[in-house]
């Protein structure tokens, strides 16, 4: 009984159970109280962790959207350069004089 009272920090008071049944009831109440506090602490911690997770997810989504926009911009610039190159190559092949004309590729 001393160990259970020490672990549960209820300590010794003036009134303690003297009969074995009273001691068993006191032990069950002490263990149930520890279980209740444990469950309440876990529930509160879970709320904080979930809130932090939502905050991080929103931040990650914003970063992902910004990265996606940069990639789209880069791809659009590449597509535009490719179109210009294809146009210049097509114009170079279709020279009416029959001479080989060197295509100029503009630098970005």
PDB file of N, CA and C in Angstrom:
ATOM      1  N   UNK A   1       0.828  -1.188   0.000  1.00  0.00           N
ATOM      2  CA  UNK A   1       0.000   0.000   0.000  1.00  0.00           C
ATOM      3  C   UNK A   1       0.877   1.260   0.000  1.00  0.00           C
ATOM      4  N   UNK A   2       2.008   1.220   0.727  1.00  0.00           N
ATOM      5  CA  UNK A   2       2.892   2.380   0.794  1.00  0.00           C
ATOM      6  C   UNK A   2       3.385   2.755  -0.605  1.00  0.00           C
ATOM      7  N   UNK A   3       3.723   1.761  -1.424  1.00  0.00           N
ATOM      8  CA  UNK A   3       4.226   2.009  -2.773  1.00  0.00           C
ATOM      9  C   UNK A   3       3.158   2.688  -3.615  1.00  0.00           C
ATOM     10  N   UNK A   4       1.939   2.198  -3.574  1.00  0.00           N
ATOM     11  CA  UNK A   4       0.850   2.782  -4.354  1.00  0.00           C
ATOM     12  C   UNK A   4       0.570   4.216  -3.911  1.00  0.00           C
ATOM     13  N   UNK A   5       0.593   4.481  -2.637  1.00  0.00           N
ATOM     14  CA  UNK A   5       0.365   5.840  -2.150  1.00  0.00           C
ATOM     15  C   UNK A   5       1.495   6.768  -2.582  1.00  0.00           C
ATOM     16  N   UNK A   6       2.720   6.272  -2.610  1.00  0.00           N
ATOM     17  CA  UNK A   6       3.852   7.093  -3.024  1.00  0.00           C
ATOM     18  C   UNK A   6       3.777   7.400  -4.514  1.00  0.00           C
ATOM     19  N   UNK A   7       3.474   6.393  -5.320  1.00  0.00           N
ATOM     20  CA  UNK A   7       3.394   6.573  -6.766  1.00  0.00           C
ATOM     21  C   UNK A   7       2.274   7.543  -7.128  1.00  0.00           C
ATOM     22  N   UNK A   8       1.150   7.458  -6.458  1.00  0.00           N
ATOM     23  CA  UNK A   8       0.007   8.323  -6.771  1.00  0.00           C
ATOM     24  C   UNK A   8       0.095   9.669  -6.066  1.00  0.00           C
ATOM     25  N   UNK A   9       1.073   9.865  -5.265  1.00  0.00           N
ATOM     26  CA  UNK A   9       1.332  11.102  -4.518  1.00  0.00           C
ATOM     27  C   UNK A   9       0.162  11.540  -3.641  1.00  0.00           C
ATOM     28  N   UNK A  10      -0.628  10.589  -3.172  1.00  0.00           N
ATOM     29  CA  UNK A  10      -1.696  10.978  -2.251  1.00  0.00           C
ATOM     30  C   UNK A  10      -1.160  11.101  -0.831  1.00  0.00           C
ATOM     31  N   UNK A  11      -0.053  10.435  -0.547  1.00  0.00           N
ATOM     32  CA  UNK A  11       0.586  10.536   0.768  1.00  0.00           C
ATOM     33  C   UNK A  11      -0.266   9.925   1.871  1.00  0.00           C
ATOM     34  N   UNK A  12       0.170  10.099   3.056  1.00  0.00           N
ATOM     35  CA  UNK A  12      -0.570   9.585   4.205  1.00  0.00           C
ATOM     36  C   UNK A  12      -1.336  10.724   4.855  1.00  0.00           C
ATOM     37  N   UNK A  13      -2.567  10.436   5.187  1.00  0.00           N
ATOM     38  CA  UNK A  13      -3.399  11.432   5.862  1.00  0.00           C
ATOM     39  C   UNK A  13      -3.764  10.923   7.246  1.00  0.00           C
ATOM     40  N   UNK A  14      -4.588  11.672   7.922  1.00  0.00           N
ATOM     41  CA  UNK A  14      -5.010  11.234   9.252  1.00  0.00           C
ATOM     42  C   UNK A  14      -5.964  10.069   9.162  1.00  0.00           C
ATOM     43  N   UNK A  15      -6.798  10.075   8.108  1.00  0.00           N
ATOM     44  CA  UNK A  15      -7.775   8.999   7.975  1.00  0.00           C
ATOM     45  C   UNK A  15      -7.342   8.078   6.852  1.00  0.00           C
ATOM     46  N   UNK A  16      -7.038   6.849   7.209  1.00  0.00           N
ATOM     47  CA  UNK A  16      -6.640   5.857   6.200  1.00  0.00           C
ATOM     48  C   UNK A  16      -7.506   4.622   6.388  1.00  0.00           C
ATOM     49  N   UNK A  17      -7.732   3.890   5.286  1.00  0.00           N
ATOM     50  CA  UNK A  17      -8.527   2.669   5.433  1.00  0.00           C
ATOM     51  C   UNK A  17      -7.769   1.621   6.259  1.00  0.00           C
ATOM     52  N   UNK A  18      -8.506   0.983   7.170  1.00  0.00           N
ATOM     53  CA  UNK A  18      -7.872  -0.010   8.032  1.00  0.00           C
ATOM     54  C   UNK A  18      -8.182  -1.432   7.585  1.00  0.00           C
ATOM     55  N   UNK A  19      -9.334  -1.650   7.026  1.00  0.00           N
ATOM     56  CA  UNK A  19      -9.723  -2.996   6.601  1.00  0.00           C
ATOM     57  C   UNK A  19      -9.175  -3.282   5.202  1.00  0.00           C
ATOM     58  N   UNK A  20      -8.973  -4.536   4.874  1.00  0.00           N
ATOM     59  CA  UNK A  20      -8.454  -4.904   3.548  1.00  0.00           C
ATOM     60  C   UNK A  20      -9.362  -4.432   2.408  1.00  0.00           C
ATOM     61  N   UNK A  21     -10.671  -4.529   2.586  1.00  0.00           N
ATOM     62  CA  UNK A  21     -11.586  -4.074   1.531  1.00  0.00           C
ATOM     63  C   UNK A  21     -11.447  -2.569   1.308  1.00  0.00           C
ATOM     64  N   UNK A  22     -11.305  -1.795   2.372  1.00  0.00           N
ATOM     65  CA  UNK A  22     -11.120  -0.350   2.262  1.00  0.00           C
ATOM     66  C   UNK A  22      -9.813  -0.017   1.558  1.00  0.00           C
ATOM     67  N   UNK A  23      -8.776  -0.781   1.835  1.00  0.00           N
ATOM     68  CA  UNK A  23      -7.491  -0.552   1.182  1.00  0.00           C
ATOM     69  C   UNK A  23      -7.569  -0.881  -0.314  1.00  0.00           C
ATOM     70  N   UNK A  24      -8.296  -1.927  -0.646  1.00  0.00           N
ATOM     71  CA  UNK A  24      -8.463  -2.295  -2.067  1.00  0.00           C
ATOM     72  C   UNK A  24      -9.236  -1.196  -2.789  1.00  0.00           C
ATOM     73  N   UNK A  25     -10.289  -0.705  -2.187  1.00  0.00           N
ATOM     74  CA  UNK A  25     -11.074   0.367  -2.791  1.00  0.00           C
ATOM     75  C   UNK A  25     -10.205   1.615  -2.967  1.00  0.00           C
ATOM     76  N   UNK A  26      -9.412   1.953  -1.969  1.00  0.00           N
ATOM     77  CA  UNK A  26      -8.530   3.119  -2.053  1.00  0.00           C
ATOM     78  C   UNK A  26      -7.513   2.932  -3.184  1.00  0.00           C
ATOM     79  N   UNK A  27      -6.956   1.744  -3.317  1.00  0.00           N
ATOM     80  CA  UNK A  27      -5.989   1.461  -4.381  1.00  0.00           C
ATOM     81  C   UNK A  27      -6.641   1.598  -5.756  1.00  0.00           C
ATOM     82  N   UNK A  28      -7.857   1.087  -5.901  1.00  0.00           N
ATOM     83  CA  UNK A  28      -8.570   1.183  -7.186  1.00  0.00           C
ATOM     84  C   UNK A  28      -8.853   2.651  -7.520  1.00  0.00           C
ATOM     85  N   UNK A  29      -9.253   3.419  -6.527  1.00  0.00           N
ATOM     86  CA  UNK A  29      -9.532   4.838  -6.751  1.00  0.00           C
ATOM     87  C   UNK A  29      -8.255   5.568  -7.166  1.00  0.00           C
ATOM     88  N   UNK A  30      -7.133   5.266  -6.523  1.00  0.00           N
ATOM     89  CA  UNK A  30      -5.860   5.915  -6.873  1.00  0.00           C
ATOM     90  C   UNK A  30      -5.452   5.585  -8.304  1.00  0.00           C
ATOM     91  N   UNK A  31      -5.542   4.306  -8.676  1.00  0.00           N
ATOM     92  CA  UNK A  31      -5.154   3.896 -10.032  1.00  0.00           C
ATOM     93  C   UNK A  31      -6.118   4.496 -11.066  1.00  0.00           C
ATOM     94  N   UNK A  32      -7.398   4.537 -10.756  1.00  0.00           N
ATOM     95  CA  UNK A  32      -8.375   5.127 -11.670  1.00  0.00           C
ATOM     96  C   UNK A  32      -8.099   6.623 -11.852  1.00  0.00           C
ATOM     97  N   UNK A  33      -7.709   7.295 -10.791  1.00  0.00           N
ATOM     98  CA  UNK A  33      -7.391   8.727 -10.891  1.00  0.00           C
ATOM     99  C   UNK A  33      -6.174   8.940 -11.790  1.00  0.00           C
ATOM    100  N   UNK A  34      -5.165   8.087 -11.649  1.00  0.00           N
ATOM    101  CA  UNK A  34      -3.992   8.193 -12.530  1.00  0.00           C
ATOM    102  C   UNK A  34      -4.423   7.973 -13.978  1.00  0.00           C
ATOM    103  N   UNK A  35      -5.260   6.984 -14.218  1.00  0.00           N
ATOM    104  CA  UNK A  35      -5.751   6.717 -15.572  1.00  0.00           C
ATOM    105  C   UNK A  35      -6.533   7.894 -16.135  1.00  0.00           C
ATOM    106  N   UNK A  36      -7.382   8.514 -15.308  1.00  0.00           N
ATOM    107  CA  UNK A  36      -8.179   9.663 -15.744  1.00  0.00           C
ATOM    108  C   UNK A  36      -7.279  10.840 -16.127  1.00  0.00           C
ATOM    109  N   UNK A  37      -6.303  11.130 -15.288  1.00  0.00           N
ATOM    110  CA  UNK A  37      -5.383  12.228 -15.580  1.00  0.00           C
ATOM    111  C   UNK A  37      -4.591  11.931 -16.857  1.00  0.00           C
ATOM    112  N   UNK A  38      -4.203  10.678 -17.039  1.00  0.00           N
ATOM    113  CA  UNK A  38      -3.458  10.287 -18.241  1.00  0.00           C
ATOM    114  C   UNK A  38      -4.290  10.500 -19.497  1.00  0.00           C
ATOM    115  N   UNK A  39      -5.537  10.078 -19.465  1.00  0.00           N
ATOM    116  CA  UNK A  39      -6.422  10.232 -20.624  1.00  0.00           C
ATOM    117  C   UNK A  39      -6.678  11.709 -20.919  1.00  0.00           C
ATOM    118  N   UNK A  40      -6.900  12.500 -19.890  1.00  0.00           N
ATOM    119  CA  UNK A  40      -7.147  13.930 -20.101  1.00  0.00           C
ATOM    120  C   UNK A  40      -5.902  14.609 -20.682  1.00  0.00           C
ATOM    121  N   UNK A  41      -4.728  14.274 -20.165  1.00  0.00           N
ATOM    122  CA  UNK A  41      -3.488  14.850 -20.681  1.00  0.00           C
ATOM    123  C   UNK A  41      -3.267  14.455 -22.134  1.00  0.00           C
ATOM    124  N   UNK A  42      -3.533  13.211 -22.470  1.00  0.00           N
ATOM    125  CA  UNK A  42      -3.374  12.748 -23.854  1.00  0.00           C
ATOM    126  C   UNK A  42      -4.342  13.469 -24.795  1.00  0.00           C
ATOM    127  N   UNK A  43      -5.570  13.694 -24.350  1.00  0.00           N
ATOM    128  CA  UNK A  43      -6.555  14.380 -25.191  1.00  0.00           C
ATOM    129  C   UNK A  43      -6.146  15.829 -25.446  1.00  0.00           C
ATOM    130  N   UNK A  44      -5.690  16.513 -24.415  1.00  0.00           N
ATOM    131  CA  UNK A  44      -5.266  17.905 -24.573  1.00  0.00           C
ATOM    132  C   UNK A  44      -4.043  17.985 -25.484  1.00  0.00           C
ATOM    133  N   UNK A  45      -3.089  17.089 -25.292  1.00  0.00           N
ATOM    134  CA  UNK A  45      -1.895  17.058 -26.137  1.00  0.00           C
ATOM    135  C   UNK A  45      -2.263  16.784 -27.585  1.00  0.00           C
ATOM    136  N   UNK A  46      -3.211  15.903 -27.796  1.00  0.00           N
ATOM    137  CA  UNK A  46      -3.664  15.579 -29.150  1.00  0.00           C
ATOM    138  C   UNK A  46      -4.229  16.803 -29.859  1.00  0.00           C
ATOM    139  N   UNK A  47      -4.966  17.628 -29.139  1.00  0.00           N
ATOM    140  CA  UNK A  47      -5.528  18.854 -29.728  1.00  0.00           C
ATOM    141  C   UNK A  47      -4.407  19.790 -30.164  1.00  0.00           C
ATOM    142  N   UNK A  48      -3.393  19.962 -29.313  1.00  0.00           N
ATOM    143  CA  UNK A  48      -2.268  20.838 -29.665  1.00  0.00           C
ATOM    144  C   UNK A  48      -1.489  20.297 -30.870  1.00  0.00           C
ATOM    145  N   UNK A  49      -1.250  19.012 -30.892  1.00  0.00           N
ATOM    146  CA  UNK A  49      -0.505  18.407 -31.999  1.00  0.00           C
ATOM    147  C   UNK A  49      -1.284  18.546 -33.300  1.00  0.00           C
ATOM    148  N   UNK A  50      -2.573  18.324 -33.270  1.00  0.00           N
ATOM    149  CA  UNK A  50      -3.399  18.443 -34.482  1.00  0.00           C
ATOM    150  C   UNK A  50      -3.406  19.881 -35.001  1.00  0.00           C
ATOM    151  N   UNK A  51      -3.474  20.848 -34.110  1.00  0.00           N
ATOM    152  CA  UNK A  51      -3.443  22.248 -34.525  1.00  0.00           C
ATOM    153  C   UNK A  51      -2.105  22.586 -35.177  1.00  0.00           C
ATOM    154  N   UNK A  52      -1.029  22.104 -34.598  1.00  0.00           N
ATOM    155  CA  UNK A  52       0.299  22.350 -35.179  1.00  0.00           C
ATOM    156  C   UNK A  52       0.420  21.681 -36.541  1.00  0.00           C
ATOM    157  N   UNK A  53      -0.123  20.479 -36.675  1.00  0.00           N
ATOM    158  CA  UNK A  53      -0.073  19.764 -37.952  1.00  0.00           C
ATOM    159  C   UNK A  53      -0.844  20.528 -39.033  1.00  0.00           C
ATOM    160  N   UNK A  54      -2.007  21.067 -38.696  1.00  0.00           N
ATOM    161  CA  UNK A  54      -2.785  21.843 -39.667  1.00  0.00           C
ATOM    162  C   UNK A  54      -2.026  23.096 -40.098  1.00  0.00           C
ATOM    163  N   UNK A  55      -1.378  23.753 -39.129  1.00  0.00           N
ATOM    164  CA  UNK A  55      -0.595  24.942 -39.447  1.00  0.00           C
ATOM    165  C   UNK A  55       0.541  24.607 -40.406  1.00  0.00           C
ATOM    166  N   UNK A  56       1.232  23.509 -40.162  1.00  0.00           N
ATOM    167  CA  UNK A  56       2.329  23.097 -41.035  1.00  0.00           C
ATOM    168  C   UNK A  56       1.822  22.699 -42.420  1.00  0.00           C
ATOM    169  N   UNK A  57       0.681  22.012 -42.476  1.00  0.00           N
ATOM    170  CA  UNK A  57       0.126  21.608 -43.770  1.00  0.00           C
ATOM    171  C   UNK A  57      -0.218  22.826 -44.615  1.00  0.00           C
ATOM    172  N   UNK A  58      -0.822  23.839 -43.999  1.00  0.00           N
ATOM    173  CA  UNK A  58      -1.156  25.064 -44.744  1.00  0.00           C
ATOM    174  C   UNK A  58       0.103  25.749 -45.250  1.00  0.00           C
ATOM    175  N   UNK A  59       1.128  25.778 -44.432  1.00  0.00           N
ATOM    176  CA  UNK A  59       2.391  26.398 -44.832  1.00  0.00           C
ATOM    177  C   UNK A  59       3.016  25.624 -45.993  1.00  0.00           C
ATOM    178  N   UNK A  60       2.991  24.289 -45.917  1.00  0.00           N
ATOM    179  CA  UNK A  60       3.547  23.458 -46.998  1.00  0.00           C
ATOM    180  C   UNK A  60       2.771  23.661 -48.289  1.00  0.00           C
ATOM    181  N   UNK A  61       1.441  23.754 -48.189  1.00  0.00           N
ATOM    182  CA  UNK A  61       0.632  23.957 -49.396  1.00  0.00           C
ATOM    183  C   UNK A  61       0.949  25.293 -50.047  1.00  0.00           C
ATOM    184  N   UNK A  62       1.156  26.324 -49.243  1.00  0.00           N
ATOM    185  CA  UNK A  62       1.496  27.641 -49.796  1.00  0.00           C
ATOM    186  C   UNK A  62       2.853  27.582 -50.495  1.00  0.00           C
ATOM    187  N   UNK A  63       3.822  26.895 -49.885  1.00  0.00           N
ATOM    188  CA  UNK A  63       5.142  26.739 -50.504  1.00  0.00           C
ATOM    189  C   UNK A  63       5.035  25.941 -51.795  1.00  0.00           C
ATOM    190  N   UNK A  64       4.212  24.889 -51.783  1.00  0.00           N
ATOM    191  CA  UNK A  64       4.038  24.068 -52.982  1.00  0.00           C
ATOM    192  C   UNK A  64       3.408  24.879 -54.112  1.00  0.00           C
ATOM    193  N   UNK A  65       2.429  25.722 -53.792  1.00  0.00           N
ATOM    194  CA  UNK A  65       1.769  26.538 -54.816  1.00  0.00           C
ATOM    195  C   UNK A  65       2.765  27.523 -55.420  1.00  0.00           C
ATOM    196  N   UNK A  66       3.604  28.108 -54.588  1.00  0.00           N
ATOM    197  CA  UNK A  66       4.605  29.051 -55.095  1.00  0.00           C
ATOM    198  C   UNK A  66       5.611  28.336 -56.000  1.00  0.00           C
ATOM    199  N   UNK A  67       6.048  27.172 -55.602  1.00  0.00           N
ATOM    200  CA  UNK A  67       6.985  26.390 -56.418  1.00  0.00           C
ATOM    201  C   UNK A  67       6.333  26.003 -57.735  1.00  0.00           C
ATOM    202  N   UNK A  68       5.083  25.599 -57.682  1.00  0.00           N
ATOM    203  CA  UNK A  68       4.356  25.204 -58.887  1.00  0.00           C
ATOM    204  C   UNK A  68       4.254  26.387 -59.854  1.00  0.00           C
ATOM    205  N   UNK A  69       3.992  27.581 -59.343  1.00  0.00           N
ATOM    206  CA  UNK A  69       3.896  28.766 -60.201  1.00  0.00           C
ATOM    207  C   UNK A  69       5.246  29.079 -60.848  1.00  0.00           C
ATOM    208  N   UNK A  70       6.345  28.930 -60.087  1.00  0.00           N
ATOM    209  CA  UNK A  70       7.667  29.169 -60.667  1.00  0.00           C
ATOM    210  C   UNK A  70       7.969  28.158 -61.769  1.00  0.00           C
ATOM    211  N   UNK A  71       7.607  26.903 -61.546  1.00  0.00           N
ATOM    212  CA  UNK A  71       7.845  25.875 -62.557  1.00  0.00           C
ATOM    213  C   UNK A  71       7.014  26.151 -63.803  1.00  0.00           C
ATOM    214  N   UNK A  72       5.752  26.532 -63.605  1.00  0.00           N
ATOM    215  CA  UNK A  72       4.900  26.863 -64.760  1.00  0.00           C
ATOM    216  C   UNK A  72       5.491  28.014 -65.562  1.00  0.00           C
ATOM    217  N   UNK A  73       5.991  29.038 -64.890  1.00  0.00           N
ATOM    218  CA  UNK A  73       6.607  30.174 -65.573  1.00  0.00           C
ATOM    219  C   UNK A  73       7.834  29.741 -66.358  1.00  0.00           C
ATOM    220  N   UNK A  74       8.657  28.905 -65.760  1.00  0.00           N
ATOM    221  CA  UNK A  74       9.855  28.410 -66.454  1.00  0.00           C
ATOM    222  C   UNK A  74       9.473  27.582 -67.667  1.00  0.00           C
ATOM    223  N   UNK A  75       8.472  26.731 -67.510  1.00  0.00           N
ATOM    224  CA  UNK A  75       8.036  25.902 -68.639  1.00  0.00           C
ATOM    225  C   UNK A  75       7.456  26.754 -69.764  1.00  0.00           C
ATOM    226  N   UNK A  76       6.733  27.797 -69.417  1.00  0.00           N
ATOM    227  CA  UNK A  76       6.184  28.688 -70.446  1.00  0.00           C
ATOM    228  C   UNK A  76       7.307  29.381 -71.206  1.00  0.00           C
ATOM    229  N   UNK A  77       8.341  29.817 -70.496  1.00  0.00           N
ATOM    230  CA  UNK A  77       9.482  30.460 -71.157  1.00  0.00           C
ATOM    231  C   UNK A  77      10.211  29.473 -72.066  1.00  0.00           C
ATOM    232  N   UNK A  78      10.371  28.251 -71.622  1.00  0.00           N
ATOM    233  CA  UNK A  78      11.020  27.218 -72.441  1.00  0.00           C
ATOM    234  C   UNK A  78      10.191  26.929 -73.680  1.00  0.00           C
ATOM    235  N   UNK A  79       8.871  26.824 -73.517  1.00  0.00           N
ATOM    236  CA  UNK A  79       7.992  26.559 -74.658  1.00  0.00           C
ATOM    237  C   UNK A  79       8.076  27.695 -75.670  1.00  0.00           C
ATOM    238  N   UNK A  80       8.133  28.930 -75.193  1.00  0.00           N
ATOM    239  CA  UNK A  80       8.233  30.078 -76.090  1.00  0.00           C
ATOM    240  C   UNK A  80       9.556  30.044 -76.862  1.00  0.00           C
ATOM    241  N   UNK A  81      10.652  29.752 -76.187  1.00  0.00           N
ATOM    242  CA  UNK A  81      11.954  29.661 -76.864  1.00  0.00           C
ATOM    243  C   UNK A  81      11.959  28.529 -77.890  1.00  0.00           C
ATOM    244  N   UNK A  82      11.350  27.411 -77.525  1.00  0.00           N
ATOM    245  CA  UNK A  82      11.284  26.275 -78.448  1.00  0.00           C
ATOM    246  C   UNK A  82      10.472  26.635 -79.683  1.00  0.00           C
ATOM    247  N   UNK A  83       9.373  27.342 -79.514  1.00  0.00           N
ATOM    248  CA  UNK A  83       8.559  27.771 -80.662  1.00  0.00           C
ATOM    249  C   UNK A  83       9.366  28.692 -81.577  1.00  0.00           C
ATOM    250  N   UNK A  84      10.120  29.621 -80.967  1.00  0.00           N
ATOM    251  CA  UNK A  84      10.949  30.511 -81.788  1.00  0.00           C
ATOM    252  C   UNK A  84      12.011  29.734 -82.555  1.00  0.00           C
ATOM    253  N   UNK A  85      12.632  28.778 -81.909  1.00  0.00           N
ATOM    254  CA  UNK A  85      13.650  27.960 -82.582  1.00  0.00           C
ATOM    255  C   UNK A  85      13.050  27.171 -83.744  1.00  0.00           C
ATOM    256  N   UNK A  86      11.902  26.562 -83.510  1.00  0.00           N
ATOM    257  CA  UNK A  86      11.249  25.795 -84.570  1.00  0.00           C
ATOM    258  C   UNK A  86      10.874  26.695 -85.742  1.00  0.00           C
ATOM    259  N   UNK A  87      10.376  27.890 -85.431  1.00  0.00           N
ATOM    260  CA  UNK A  87      10.016  28.834 -86.486  1.00  0.00           C
ATOM    261  C   UNK A  87      11.253  29.232 -87.286  1.00  0.00           C
ATOM    262  N   UNK A  88      12.342  29.544 -86.614  1.00  0.00           N
ATOM    263  CA  UNK A  88      13.555  29.944 -87.318  1.00  0.00           C
ATOM    264  C   UNK A  88      14.135  28.795 -88.141  1.00  0.00           C
ATOM    265  N   UNK A  89      14.064  27.605 -87.629  1.00  0.00           N
ATOM    266  CA  UNK A  89      14.541  26.458 -88.397  1.00  0.00           C
ATOM    267  C   UNK A  89      13.679  26.232 -89.628  1.00  0.00           C
ATOM    268  N   UNK A  90      12.373  26.387 -89.476  1.00  0.00           N
ATOM    269  CA  UNK A  90      11.473  26.220 -90.618  1.00  0.00           C
ATOM    270  C   UNK A  90      11.724  27.302 -91.657  1.00  0.00           C
ATOM    271  N   UNK A  91      11.953  28.530 -91.244  1.00  0.00           N
ATOM    272  CA  UNK A  91      12.234  29.634 -92.162  1.00  0.00           C
ATOM    273  C   UNK A  91      13.574  29.398 -92.858  1.00  0.00           C
ATOM    274  N   UNK A  92      14.565  28.899 -92.149  1.00  0.00           N
ATOM    275  CA  UNK A  92      15.881  28.633 -92.718  1.00  0.00           C
ATOM    276  C   UNK A  92      15.832  27.559 -93.791  1.00  0.00           C
ATOM    277  N   UNK A  93      14.998  26.555 -93.628  1.00  0.00           N
ATOM    278  CA  UNK A  93      14.870  25.475 -94.617  1.00  0.00           C
ATOM    279  C   UNK A  93      14.111  25.933 -95.846  1.00  0.00           C
ATOM    280  N   UNK A  94      13.205  26.862 -95.669  1.00  0.00           N
ATOM    281  CA  UNK A  94      12.346  27.280 -96.778  1.00  0.00           C
ATOM    282  C   UNK A  94      12.875  28.536 -97.463  1.00  0.00           C
ATOM    283  N   UNK A  95      14.178  28.749 -97.507  1.00  0.00           N
ATOM    284  CA  UNK A  95      14.762  29.923 -98.167  1.00  0.00           C
ATOM    285  C   UNK A  95      14.523  29.816 -99.669  1.00  0.00           C
ATOM    286  N   UNK A  96      13.847  30.783-100.271  1.00  0.00           N
ATOM    287  CA  UNK A  96      13.481  30.683-101.688  1.00  0.00           C
ATOM    288  C   UNK A  96      14.686  30.723-102.631  1.00  0.00           C
ATOM    289  N   UNK A  97      15.797  31.268-102.250  1.00  0.00           N
ATOM    290  CA  UNK A  97      16.964  31.354-103.116  1.00  0.00           C
ATOM    291  C   UNK A  97      17.725  30.031-103.187  1.00  0.00           C
ATOM    292  N   UNK A  98      17.404  29.105-102.283  1.00  0.00           N
ATOM    293  CA  UNK A  98      18.097  27.831-102.287  1.00  0.00           C
ATOM    294  C   UNK A  98      19.409  27.877-101.527  1.00  0.00           C
ATOM    295  N   UNK A  99      19.725  29.008-100.986  1.00  0.00           N
ATOM    296  CA  UNK A  99      20.967  29.107-100.225  1.00  0.00           C
ATOM    297  C   UNK A  99      20.694  28.681 -98.782  1.00  0.00           C
ATOM    298  N   UNK A 100      21.735  28.147 -98.176  1.00  0.00           N
ATOM    299  CA  UNK A 100      21.603  27.768 -96.766  1.00  0.00           C
ATOM    300  C   UNK A 100      21.740  29.029 -95.928  1.00  0.00           C
ATOM    301  N   UNK A 101      20.735  29.269 -95.178  1.00  0.00           N
ATOM    302  CA  UNK A 101      20.736  30.454 -94.339  1.00  0.00           C
ATOM    303  C   UNK A 101      20.912  30.026 -92.888  1.00  0.00           C
ATOM    304  N   UNK A 102      21.781  30.656 -92.180  1.00  0.00           N
ATOM    305  CA  UNK A 102      22.025  30.303 -90.795  1.00  0.00           C
ATOM    306  C   UNK A 102      20.937  30.917 -89.920  1.00  0.00           C
ATOM    307  N   UNK A 103      20.357  30.089 -89.104  1.00  0.00           N
ATOM    308  CA  UNK A 103      19.309  30.572 -88.193  1.00  0.00           C
ATOM    309  C   UNK A 103      19.957  31.239 -86.995  1.00  0.00           C
ATOM    310  N   UNK A 104      19.397  32.341 -86.608  1.00  0.00           N
ATOM    311  CA  UNK A 104      19.907  33.021 -85.421  1.00  0.00           C
ATOM    312  C   UNK A 104      19.041  32.675 -84.239  1.00  0.00           C
ATOM    313  N   UNK A 105      19.686  32.323 -83.158  1.00  0.00           N
ATOM    314  CA  UNK A 105      18.967  31.945 -81.961  1.00  0.00           C
ATOM    315  C   UNK A 105      19.160  33.063 -80.948  1.00  0.00           C
ATOM    316  N   UNK A 106      18.077  33.732 -80.594  1.00  0.00           N
ATOM    317  CA  UNK A 106      18.213  34.828 -79.621  1.00  0.00           C
ATOM    318  C   UNK A 106      18.569  34.262 -78.243  1.00  0.00           C
ATOM    319  N   UNK A 107      19.408  34.949 -77.559  1.00  0.00           N
ATOM    320  CA  UNK A 107      19.782  34.517 -76.207  1.00  0.00           C
ATOM    321  C   UNK A 107      18.818  35.124 -75.203  1.00  0.00           C
ATOM    322  N   UNK A 108      18.468  34.358 -74.228  1.00  0.00           N
ATOM    323  CA  UNK A 108      17.498  34.849 -73.245  1.00  0.00           C
ATOM    324  C   UNK A 108      18.045  35.965 -72.400  1.00  0.00           C
TER     325      UNK A 108
END
